[in-house]
């Protein structure tokens, strides 16, 4: 019982730290979550652009120093930049004025901390 409580506490603590310590995980935009999910699915249908507006580029380079291989997509609400960094996929969304909306990071389960990975695997079998 104590071991399970420690694992649950560690997982909750890591979740809290990742939400508050990572600038890319906080959501401060006016874009509703359901719209975020629709745009995630429709990015493949969005128009790939070479270079977005200067305001968007300025915001992107300020927050993502050293990234040069990003791909830009134009959406109904603004722009999306997709890139990889150290095996982690990033999707960063901006409105048309260059304001950062949110960032989504995707990575393989092997990059999770071992305690969190074991907790997830023991509760979600597939």
Protein backbone atom coordinates (compact mmCIF):
# COMPACT_ATOMS: atom_id res chain seq x y z
CA UNK A 1 0.00 0.00 0.00
CA UNK A 2 2.83 2.41 0.89
CA UNK A 3 4.57 1.63 -2.39
CA UNK A 4 1.42 2.42 -4.39
CA UNK A 5 0.94 5.68 -2.52
CA UNK A 6 4.56 6.67 -3.21
CA UNK A 7 4.14 5.94 -6.91
CA UNK A 8 0.86 7.88 -7.10
CA UNK A 9 2.38 10.80 -5.21
CA UNK A 10 5.50 10.77 -7.42
CA UNK A 11 3.37 10.71 -10.58
CA UNK A 12 1.17 13.56 -9.36
CA UNK A 13 4.23 15.55 -8.32
CA UNK A 14 5.90 15.06 -11.72
CA UNK A 15 2.69 16.05 -13.46
CA UNK A 16 2.44 19.23 -11.41
CA UNK A 17 6.08 20.11 -12.01
CA UNK A 18 5.80 19.54 -15.75
CA UNK A 19 2.67 21.70 -15.96
CA UNK A 20 4.11 24.64 -14.03
CA UNK A 21 7.80 24.54 -14.88
CA UNK A 22 7.45 24.12 -18.64
CA UNK A 23 6.50 27.26 -20.51
CA UNK A 24 5.25 25.14 -23.39
CA UNK A 25 2.63 23.35 -21.32
CA UNK A 26 0.68 26.27 -19.94
CA UNK A 27 -2.39 27.28 -21.90
CA UNK A 28 -3.15 30.97 -21.83
CA UNK A 29 -4.88 31.38 -25.15
CA UNK A 30 -8.48 32.06 -25.95
CA UNK A 31 -8.60 29.04 -28.27
CA UNK A 32 -10.98 26.45 -26.78
CA UNK A 33 -9.60 22.96 -26.21
CA UNK A 34 -12.04 21.35 -28.64
CA UNK A 35 -10.81 23.68 -31.39
CA UNK A 36 -7.22 22.73 -30.51
CA UNK A 37 -8.05 19.08 -31.12
CA UNK A 38 -9.78 19.80 -34.44
CA UNK A 39 -6.79 21.79 -35.66
CA UNK A 40 -4.39 19.03 -34.58
CA UNK A 41 -6.22 16.62 -36.87
CA UNK A 42 -6.57 19.14 -39.68
CA UNK A 43 -2.93 20.30 -39.74
CA UNK A 44 -2.20 17.75 -42.43
CA UNK A 45 -4.82 19.51 -44.56
CA UNK A 46 -3.50 22.99 -43.74
CA UNK A 47 -1.47 24.87 -46.28
CA UNK A 48 2.28 24.46 -45.80
CA UNK A 49 3.88 27.86 -46.02
CA UNK A 50 7.49 28.84 -46.45
CA UNK A 51 7.65 31.71 -43.97
CA UNK A 52 4.89 33.15 -41.78
CA UNK A 53 4.47 36.80 -40.86
CA UNK A 54 7.40 38.65 -39.22
CA UNK A 55 5.53 38.90 -35.89
CA UNK A 56 5.11 35.11 -35.76
CA UNK A 57 8.77 34.52 -36.66
CA UNK A 58 9.93 36.96 -33.99
CA UNK A 59 7.88 35.18 -31.32
CA UNK A 60 9.05 31.75 -32.50
CA UNK A 61 12.77 32.62 -32.54
CA UNK A 62 12.54 34.29 -29.12
CA UNK A 63 11.10 31.13 -27.54
CA UNK A 64 12.88 28.45 -29.61
CA UNK A 65 16.50 29.46 -29.94
CA UNK A 66 18.56 27.36 -32.33
CA UNK A 67 15.66 25.71 -34.18
CA UNK A 68 16.16 25.96 -37.94
CA UNK A 69 14.39 22.93 -39.44
CA UNK A 70 10.79 23.82 -38.57
CA UNK A 71 7.92 23.44 -41.03
CA UNK A 72 5.20 26.07 -41.09
CA UNK A 73 1.51 25.55 -41.74
CA UNK A 74 -1.18 28.19 -42.11
CA UNK A 75 -4.48 27.51 -40.33
CA UNK A 76 -7.76 29.39 -39.99
CA UNK A 77 -6.61 31.02 -36.74
CA UNK A 78 -2.90 31.60 -37.48
CA UNK A 79 0.22 29.47 -37.94
CA UNK A 80 1.63 26.15 -36.74
CA UNK A 81 5.33 25.30 -36.52
CA UNK A 82 6.38 21.65 -36.30
CA UNK A 83 9.92 20.52 -35.49
CA UNK A 84 11.93 17.84 -33.66
CA UNK A 85 14.47 18.43 -30.91
CA UNK A 86 16.42 15.59 -29.26
CA UNK A 87 13.88 12.97 -30.30
CA UNK A 88 10.87 14.97 -29.10
CA UNK A 89 8.31 16.25 -31.60
CA UNK A 90 7.00 19.78 -31.05
CA UNK A 91 3.94 21.54 -32.41
CA UNK A 92 3.76 25.26 -31.55
CA UNK A 93 0.70 27.30 -32.50
CA UNK A 94 0.50 31.08 -32.96
CA UNK A 95 -2.35 33.42 -33.78
CA UNK A 96 -2.16 35.73 -36.80
CA UNK A 97 -0.65 38.54 -34.69
CA UNK A 98 2.25 36.38 -33.56
CA UNK A 99 0.98 35.57 -30.06
CA UNK A 100 1.95 32.14 -28.81
CA UNK A 101 -1.11 29.96 -28.18
CA UNK A 102 0.26 26.62 -27.00
CA UNK A 103 2.91 23.96 -27.53
CA UNK A 104 2.37 20.21 -27.65
CA UNK A 105 5.28 17.83 -27.10
CA UNK A 106 5.09 14.20 -28.26
CA UNK A 107 7.57 11.46 -27.50
CA UNK A 108 7.94 7.73 -27.09
CA UNK A 109 7.07 6.05 -23.79
CA UNK A 110 10.74 5.18 -23.27
CA UNK A 111 11.41 8.87 -22.52
CA UNK A 112 9.04 8.83 -19.52
CA UNK A 113 10.55 8.54 -16.03
CA UNK A 114 10.59 4.86 -15.04
CA UNK A 115 8.19 5.28 -12.08
CA UNK A 116 5.63 7.12 -14.20
CA UNK A 117 5.96 4.60 -17.02
CA UNK A 118 5.39 1.66 -14.63
CA UNK A 119 2.41 3.43 -13.06
CA UNK A 120 0.79 4.05 -16.44
CA UNK A 121 1.48 0.53 -17.70
CA UNK A 122 0.04 -1.05 -14.55
CA UNK A 123 -3.19 0.98 -14.83
CA UNK A 124 -3.61 1.17 -18.63
CA UNK A 125 -2.73 -2.16 -20.18
CA UNK A 126 -2.73 -1.12 -23.84
